[in-house]
Every structure is written in structure tokens, then in C-alpha cells.
Amino acid sequence: MTEAELRALFDEIDTDGDGRINIVELAEGIKAEGGQGHLAEEVKKAMEADANHDGVLDFEEFRTLLK
């Protein structure tokens, strides 16, 4: 995935446009991308990328998650 594609996906999931993806936006994004199975587990695993433990994913953390 290119940098531009990553940014576009991040911006799509960041529905309130604050430059951070919160847990609700993340859950909605996973569902929109066809996430199946245990949504809570998928969200919890994705939030492990929250390096500074502020409860949201910034673009750098999101990039790390998708590598």
C-alpha cells in the first residue's frame, strides 16, 4: 500500500477529521472493510499499535499497524 493510499484510508476511517482514529472510528472502519469474526478482539489487537497509549491512533501508529 502506498503512502497516499494509507493516508486516504486513514482519512476515511477518521470520520470526525481530528487527525486521530478513536476506538469507535476504528471499529466502524474494521466493519466497513469487511472485518468478520470477533470485532472486539480485532479492535483490541489494532489498538496495540497505540505506541503512546493515549487511546487513539495517529497516522504514524496507523502506518505501523498496517505494515
Protein backbone atom coordinates (compact mmCIF):
# COMPACT_ATOMS: atom_id res chain seq x y z
CA MET A 1 0.00 0.00 0.00
CA THR A 2 1.43 3.37 -0.99
CA GLU A 3 1.75 6.32 1.36
CA ALA A 4 -1.11 8.07 -0.48
CA GLU A 5 -3.32 5.00 -0.15
CA LEU A 6 -2.52 4.75 3.55
CA ARG A 7 -3.38 8.42 4.04
CA ALA A 8 -6.63 8.05 2.11
CA LEU A 9 -7.66 5.04 4.21
CA PHE A 10 -6.70 6.85 7.43
CA ASP A 11 -8.74 9.89 6.41
CA GLU A 12 -11.70 7.67 5.51
CA ILE A 13 -11.66 5.98 8.93
CA ASP A 14 -11.06 9.28 10.77
CA THR A 15 -14.67 10.35 10.34
CA ASP A 16 -14.51 13.37 12.65
CA GLY A 17 -11.41 14.68 10.87
CA ASP A 18 -9.38 15.34 14.01
CA GLY A 19 -6.28 13.55 12.71
CA ARG A 20 -6.68 10.64 15.12
CA ILE A 21 -8.64 7.40 14.94
CA ASN A 22 -10.52 6.65 18.13
CA ILE A 23 -11.80 3.24 19.13
CA VAL A 24 -15.31 3.85 17.72
CA GLU A 25 -13.94 5.03 14.37
CA LEU A 26 -11.60 2.04 14.32
CA ALA A 27 -14.44 -0.42 14.96
CA GLU A 28 -16.54 1.21 12.23
CA GLY A 29 -13.56 1.12 9.86
CA ILE A 30 -12.95 -2.57 10.51
CA LYS A 31 -16.61 -3.33 9.87
CA ALA A 32 -16.61 -1.22 6.68
CA GLU A 33 -13.53 -3.03 5.39
CA GLY A 34 -15.31 -6.36 5.83
CA GLY A 35 -13.86 -7.35 9.18
CA GLN A 36 -15.51 -10.52 10.32
CA GLY A 37 -15.29 -12.55 13.45
CA HIS A 38 -14.84 -11.01 16.86
CA LEU A 39 -14.86 -7.25 16.33
CA ALA A 40 -13.83 -6.50 19.92
CA GLU A 41 -10.76 -8.72 19.54
CA GLU A 42 -9.83 -7.11 16.22
CA VAL A 43 -10.13 -3.63 17.73
CA LYS A 44 -8.11 -4.61 20.80
CA LYS A 45 -5.36 -6.08 18.62
CA ALA A 46 -5.30 -2.99 16.40
CA MET A 47 -5.09 -0.68 19.42
CA GLU A 48 -1.83 -2.40 20.37
CA ALA A 49 -0.32 -0.06 17.75
CA ASP A 50 -1.13 2.87 20.09
CA ALA A 51 2.52 3.43 20.98
CA ASN A 52 1.97 6.41 23.29
CA HIS A 53 -1.08 4.83 24.99
CA ASP A 54 -3.34 7.84 24.50
CA GLY A 55 -6.30 5.73 23.39
CA VAL A 56 -6.23 6.85 19.74
CA LEU A 57 -4.16 6.09 16.66
CA ASP A 58 -2.36 8.90 14.91
CA PHE A 59 -1.18 8.45 11.32
CA GLU A 60 2.26 7.11 12.30
CA GLU A 61 0.71 4.49 14.59
CA PHE A 62 -1.80 3.61 11.86
CA ARG A 63 1.03 3.19 9.35
CA THR A 64 2.82 0.86 11.77
CA LEU A 65 -0.36 -1.15 12.25
CA LEU A 66 -0.76 -1.77 8.53
CA LYS A 67 2.87 -2.72 7.82
